[in-house]
Structure formats: structure tokens, C-alpha cells
Amino acid sequence: MTRRCSHPLIFLLRHLGLYGVVALCLWPVRSGFAQEPRWALDAEAQNEVPIGVGAGLTLEVPGRFRLGTSIGIVPSPYVDLINAVSTEFEFYDQSTADLISDALERSLVWTVRAGWRPFSRRGLYVDAGYSTINLGGRATSDDVLSAYLSGQRLPTIPALASDMPYDIDATLQMARVEAGWVVWLSDLYLRIAVGGAFTMASNTVIDPGQSGSAQVDSSRQTIATKAGQYLDDTFTTYVHTGTLTLTLGYRVLGPRQK
């Protein structure tokens, strides 16, 4: 014989408890789908002072983890800014700044990064990444390069064909960190961030060219090798900088934030 519970209060509590458990189980799932995109892809126009300007893509995956890459160039005013700060604080002298500027006739910056957006309804994010910066240019006289040999300027020696240019190629490997905020403006968004870029390694190759004289070419190669080593030491010791990022983005795939 089945025993029924005749007390209405016990009957009500049992049913409320059952419904409450079901509601608690279902609420986070529904809330999560409503608030967070599962996948999102953004296209961006980026300005990272004083690292470079360019374009990039950012992919956000479930859990609000971010993956991104970008490619761009280093404008000469940005190198001028780094040189101005470095010479003002006497990290290196003006002749070194001139040689660094000589290496900027062409440039390419490639960055990869990963990060996290901790809050589903807030724009805060943190990123860490890696940049490789390739610089190339030409120094037009031995006098410019001679300033970096053992910290002393060598006398001008016509026999070293000082009117021949030196080709400069430098590659910097930089660690990156960044924290910022995303502000949505209808279909577009602004991403504003501050961070840092730190040169971890550098490889500078200076090509003295061929003068037609084995003795002259040997001397020029010695100057070029020492100057390249000096620049590598300068980059890894002093080229560490804060960054200010202003980015305009557009959501290509995925729901737009509100």
C-alpha cells in the first residue's frame, strides 16, 4: 500500500526543490550561450607607437582566449622617437642614432600574440607575444661606421674607399606584453592599450661591398663586422620601450558585442 504525503507544505517544498535544481542546472548553460560568442574573427588596422603601423587579424575562441597576428612597417618618426629618448638619457650617442636611422630605409614587422579576455561583458584584455623586426638600409661613409669601433672614431683613410656605401640588414627579436580595453562602436570597435616591447636578440649584418682591392676589402670587412657587433649590443641593451596601441577593428565573423 502506497503512503501518500498529505501535508501541503512538504508537497510544495519537494516540488520547489526539484524545479530549483533543474533551473540551476539550466541557467548557466543558457546564460553562457546568450552572453559569449563561441568563435569570433576580427580584422584590424593597428598603430603601435613606437613599434609600427600595419594590419592584423584576431581570433577569439571559446573561453575568451585570443590569438592574433599582424604585419606592418616601422615609420621613420617612430625610430626618431626611440633615438631621441635614448640620446636624451645617454643610452647611446648621436652617431649611433644616425646609424640606426640609416638602417631604416626599409622595414618589416611581424607579430604573433596570445591572450585572454577575463570578463564576458567587459572590454579588458591582456596579451603577450613576439615580434620580429627586419630593418635594411645603407650607410654612405666610413666615417659613420667608424664612430662605433671600440667607442672611438677612426681617422678618415682614403685607401679604405670611404665613399663606398655599406649595406645594413638588422633583425630584432622582441618580447611583447600588453593590457588594454575594447570599446564597441556599432559594427566597429576601438582597442586602446599600453604595454612594452623588449629586444631579446639581434642579428646585424653589414656588407662592405667590393672595392677591387683585397687589402681595402679586408679592412672594410673588419670595420663592418665590429660595427655590426656594436649595433647588436646596442639593440639588446637599450632598445626596450613602452608601447601605446590604438587600433580600429571590424568583426568579420561571429556575433557583435553590445
Protein backbone atom coordinates (compact mmCIF):
# COMPACT_ATOMS: atom_id res chain seq x y z
CA MET A 1 0.00 0.00 0.00
CA THR A 2 1.47 3.34 -1.08
CA ARG A 3 1.79 6.00 1.55
CA ARG A 4 0.92 9.50 0.41
CA CYS A 5 2.27 12.70 1.87
CA SER A 6 -0.81 14.63 2.89
CA HIS A 7 0.90 17.75 4.25
CA PRO A 8 0.67 20.51 1.61
CA LEU A 9 3.83 22.30 2.85
CA ILE A 10 6.02 19.20 2.35
CA PHE A 11 4.47 18.65 -1.07
CA LEU A 12 5.25 22.28 -2.06
CA LEU A 13 8.85 22.16 -0.80
CA ARG A 14 9.55 18.94 -2.70
CA HIS A 15 8.31 20.39 -5.96
CA LEU A 16 10.07 23.73 -5.44
CA GLY A 17 13.30 21.90 -4.71
CA LEU A 18 13.01 19.79 -7.85
CA TYR A 19 12.26 22.82 -10.00
CA GLY A 20 15.06 24.78 -8.35
CA VAL A 21 17.64 22.10 -9.14
CA VAL A 22 16.50 21.96 -12.76
CA ALA A 23 16.63 25.74 -13.02
CA LEU A 24 20.14 25.94 -11.53
CA CYS A 25 21.38 23.31 -13.96
CA LEU A 26 19.91 25.02 -17.00
CA TRP A 27 20.59 28.69 -16.14
CA PRO A 28 24.39 28.78 -16.61
CA VAL A 29 24.13 27.00 -19.95
CA ARG A 30 21.55 29.36 -21.37
CA SER A 31 23.33 32.40 -19.92
CA GLY A 32 26.63 31.34 -21.42
CA PHE A 33 25.19 30.97 -24.91
CA ALA A 34 23.48 34.32 -24.67
CA GLN A 35 26.49 36.31 -23.43
CA GLU A 36 29.55 34.81 -25.11
CA PRO A 37 30.34 34.20 -28.77
CA ARG A 38 31.76 30.78 -29.39
CA TRP A 39 34.12 31.95 -32.14
CA ALA A 40 34.88 35.44 -33.45
CA LEU A 41 37.28 36.81 -36.08
CA ASP A 42 38.27 40.49 -36.22
CA ALA A 43 40.19 42.47 -38.85
CA GLU A 44 42.20 45.40 -37.52
CA ALA A 45 44.15 48.48 -38.63
CA GLN A 46 46.83 48.91 -35.98
CA ASN A 47 49.04 51.74 -34.78
CA GLU A 48 51.57 50.63 -32.16
CA VAL A 49 53.80 53.54 -31.12
CA PRO A 50 56.79 53.30 -31.50
CA ILE A 51 56.88 49.76 -32.97
CA GLY A 52 54.96 50.09 -36.21
CA VAL A 53 51.75 50.51 -38.17
CA GLY A 54 50.00 47.75 -40.07
CA ALA A 55 47.07 45.36 -40.31
CA GLY A 56 46.18 42.24 -38.38
CA LEU A 57 43.68 39.52 -37.51
CA THR A 58 42.46 38.47 -34.07
CA LEU A 59 40.65 35.20 -33.37
CA GLU A 60 38.71 34.71 -30.14
CA VAL A 61 37.89 31.12 -29.21
CA PRO A 62 35.64 29.63 -26.50
CA GLY A 63 36.82 30.64 -23.04
CA ARG A 64 37.60 34.15 -24.39
CA PHE A 65 41.15 33.19 -25.32
CA ARG A 66 42.65 35.39 -28.02
CA LEU A 67 45.08 34.58 -30.83
CA GLY A 68 46.37 37.22 -33.19
CA THR A 69 48.91 38.12 -35.83
CA SER A 70 49.81 41.32 -37.67
CA ILE A 71 52.24 42.66 -40.24
CA GLY A 72 53.42 46.20 -40.85
CA ILE A 73 56.28 48.66 -41.16
CA VAL A 74 58.26 50.93 -38.83
CA PRO A 75 57.71 54.60 -39.78
CA SER A 76 60.84 56.72 -39.56
CA PRO A 77 59.28 59.09 -36.96
CA TYR A 78 58.98 56.12 -34.59
CA VAL A 79 62.71 55.37 -34.87
CA ASP A 80 63.39 59.09 -34.41
CA LEU A 81 61.37 58.94 -31.19
CA ILE A 82 63.36 55.96 -29.86
CA ASN A 83 66.63 57.69 -30.81
CA ALA A 84 65.56 60.96 -29.20
CA VAL A 85 64.76 59.27 -25.89
CA SER A 86 67.93 57.15 -25.98
CA THR A 87 70.25 60.06 -26.72
CA GLU A 88 68.50 62.28 -24.17
CA PHE A 89 69.13 59.69 -21.44
CA GLU A 90 72.62 58.99 -22.87
CA PHE A 91 71.94 55.35 -23.63
CA TYR A 92 73.91 55.91 -26.84
CA ASP A 93 75.30 58.91 -28.71
CA GLN A 94 74.05 60.76 -31.76
CA SER A 95 76.38 58.95 -34.15
CA THR A 96 74.85 55.63 -33.09
CA ALA A 97 71.37 57.13 -33.58
CA ASP A 98 72.38 58.21 -37.09
CA LEU A 99 73.50 54.68 -37.98
CA ILE A 100 70.25 53.20 -36.65
CA SER A 101 68.33 55.69 -38.80
CA ASP A 102 70.45 54.68 -41.79
CA ALA A 103 69.20 51.12 -41.31
CA LEU A 104 65.57 52.19 -41.76
CA GLU A 105 65.29 52.67 -45.50
CA ARG A 106 63.11 49.56 -45.49
CA SER A 107 61.40 47.71 -42.65
CA LEU A 108 59.02 44.85 -41.89
CA VAL A 109 57.37 43.98 -38.57
CA TRP A 110 55.62 40.67 -37.93
CA THR A 111 53.89 39.97 -34.61
CA VAL A 112 52.12 36.97 -33.12
CA ARG A 113 50.36 37.10 -29.78
CA ALA A 114 48.08 35.19 -27.43
CA GLY A 115 45.93 36.49 -24.62
CA TRP A 116 42.74 36.36 -22.64
CA ARG A 117 39.68 38.49 -22.09
CA PRO A 118 38.73 37.69 -18.48
CA PHE A 119 35.21 39.19 -18.45
CA SER A 120 32.47 38.30 -20.92
CA ARG A 121 30.78 41.71 -20.77
CA ARG A 122 33.85 43.90 -20.27
CA GLY A 123 36.45 45.08 -22.73
CA LEU A 124 39.53 44.35 -20.62
CA TYR A 125 42.13 42.01 -22.16
CA VAL A 126 45.75 41.01 -21.64
CA ASP A 127 48.14 39.79 -24.35
CA ALA A 128 51.69 38.51 -24.61
CA GLY A 129 53.55 37.95 -27.83
CA TYR A 130 56.61 38.06 -30.02
CA SER A 131 57.69 40.44 -32.78
CA THR A 132 60.43 40.16 -35.35
CA ILE A 133 61.55 43.44 -36.89
CA ASN A 134 63.61 43.45 -40.06
CA LEU A 135 65.45 46.66 -40.93
CA GLY A 136 67.51 47.42 -44.01
CA GLY A 137 69.37 50.44 -45.29
CA ARG A 138 72.65 51.93 -46.37
CA ALA A 139 75.37 53.90 -44.57
CA THR A 140 77.11 56.14 -47.05
CA SER A 141 80.53 56.67 -45.46
CA ASP A 142 83.17 55.00 -43.32
CA ASP A 143 83.02 58.00 -41.01
CA VAL A 144 79.52 56.98 -39.84
CA LEU A 145 80.55 53.38 -39.13
CA SER A 146 83.90 54.31 -37.61
CA ALA A 147 82.19 56.04 -34.70
CA TYR A 148 81.23 52.66 -33.27
CA LEU A 149 84.56 50.86 -33.28
CA SER A 150 85.67 50.49 -29.66
CA GLY A 151 83.84 53.73 -28.90
CA GLN A 152 86.34 55.81 -30.88
CA ARG A 153 86.18 57.46 -34.29
CA LEU A 154 88.81 56.22 -36.68
CA PRO A 155 90.64 58.73 -38.84
CA THR A 156 89.41 59.09 -42.39
CA ILE A 157 91.55 56.87 -44.60
CA PRO A 158 91.04 57.37 -48.34
CA ALA A 159 92.64 53.98 -49.02
CA LEU A 160 89.62 52.33 -47.36
CA ALA A 161 87.35 53.72 -50.10
CA SER A 162 85.34 55.73 -47.61
CA ASP A 163 82.99 56.96 -50.34
CA MET A 164 81.64 53.42 -50.87
CA PRO A 165 78.37 52.65 -49.08
CA TYR A 166 77.80 49.87 -46.58
CA ASP A 167 74.57 47.85 -46.79
CA ILE A 168 72.96 47.21 -43.40
CA ASP A 169 70.47 44.46 -42.53
CA ALA A 170 69.30 44.01 -38.95
CA THR A 171 66.78 41.60 -37.41
CA LEU A 172 65.45 42.24 -33.90
CA GLN A 173 63.57 39.64 -31.84
CA MET A 174 61.26 41.30 -29.31
CA ALA A 175 59.09 40.03 -26.45
CA ARG A 176 55.77 41.85 -26.12
CA VAL A 177 53.24 42.40 -23.31
CA GLU A 178 50.07 44.44 -23.45
CA ALA A 179 46.93 45.26 -21.48
CA GLY A 180 44.03 47.14 -22.99
CA TRP A 181 40.34 47.82 -23.40
CA VAL A 182 37.96 47.28 -26.32
CA VAL A 183 35.18 49.84 -26.92
CA TRP A 184 32.46 48.85 -29.39
CA LEU A 185 31.03 51.47 -31.77
CA SER A 186 28.21 49.71 -33.65
CA ASP A 187 29.91 47.45 -36.22
CA LEU A 188 33.38 48.79 -35.42
CA TYR A 189 35.45 48.90 -32.26
CA LEU A 190 38.40 50.78 -30.82
CA ARG A 191 41.14 48.92 -28.98
CA ILE A 192 43.33 51.04 -26.73
CA ALA A 193 46.29 49.51 -24.89
CA VAL A 194 49.58 50.15 -23.14
CA GLY A 195 52.43 47.67 -22.99
CA GLY A 196 56.10 47.06 -23.51
CA ALA A 197 58.49 45.71 -26.15
CA PHE A 198 61.84 44.25 -25.15
CA THR A 199 64.66 43.30 -27.53
CA MET A 200 65.78 39.80 -26.63
CA ALA A 201 68.15 39.15 -29.55
CA SER A 202 69.57 40.96 -32.56
CA ASN A 203 71.47 39.98 -35.68
CA THR A 204 73.05 42.78 -37.71
CA VAL A 205 74.91 42.10 -40.95
CA ILE A 206 76.84 44.94 -42.58
CA ASP A 207 78.08 44.32 -46.10
CA PRO A 208 81.05 46.49 -47.14
CA GLY A 209 80.82 45.56 -50.81
CA GLN A 210 83.77 45.01 -53.13
CA SER A 211 86.30 47.72 -53.95
CA GLY A 212 88.55 45.65 -56.20
CA SER A 213 91.43 45.69 -53.72
CA ALA A 214 91.88 42.69 -51.40
CA GLN A 215 93.64 44.82 -48.77
CA VAL A 216 90.96 47.51 -48.77
CA ASP A 217 88.14 44.94 -48.73
CA SER A 218 89.72 43.16 -45.76
CA SER A 219 89.92 46.41 -43.79
CA ARG A 220 86.36 47.37 -44.68
CA GLN A 221 85.12 43.93 -43.66
CA THR A 222 86.79 44.35 -40.26
CA ILE A 223 85.06 47.70 -39.78
CA ALA A 224 81.71 46.25 -40.88
CA THR A 225 81.96 43.24 -38.54
CA LYS A 226 82.82 45.34 -35.49
CA ALA A 227 80.13 47.89 -36.30
CA GLY A 228 77.53 45.11 -36.61
CA GLN A 229 78.54 43.67 -33.25
CA TYR A 230 78.29 47.13 -31.72
CA LEU A 231 74.78 47.63 -33.09
CA ASP A 232 73.65 44.21 -31.80
CA ASP A 233 74.91 45.11 -28.33
CA THR A 234 73.16 48.48 -28.53
CA PHE A 235 69.85 46.96 -29.62
CA THR A 236 69.77 44.26 -26.92
CA THR A 237 70.96 46.60 -24.17
CA TYR A 238 68.96 49.75 -24.83
CA VAL A 239 66.10 49.16 -27.28
CA HIS A 240 63.40 48.38 -24.73
CA THR A 241 60.37 50.63 -24.90
CA GLY A 242 56.88 51.21 -23.66
CA THR A 243 54.14 50.99 -26.28
CA LEU A 244 50.86 52.79 -26.88
CA THR A 245 48.39 50.99 -29.16
CA LEU A 246 45.37 52.45 -30.93
CA THR A 247 43.50 50.02 -33.17
CA LEU A 248 40.35 50.26 -35.28
CA GLY A 249 38.71 46.87 -35.75
CA TYR A 250 35.80 45.23 -37.56
CA ARG A 251 34.16 41.93 -36.63
CA VAL A 252 34.30 39.74 -39.72
CA LEU A 253 32.78 36.58 -38.25
CA GLY A 254 30.79 36.00 -35.07
CA PRO A 255 28.25 37.99 -33.08
CA ARG A 256 28.96 41.62 -32.35
CA GLN A 257 29.32 42.76 -28.77
CA LYS A 258 26.81 45.08 -27.17
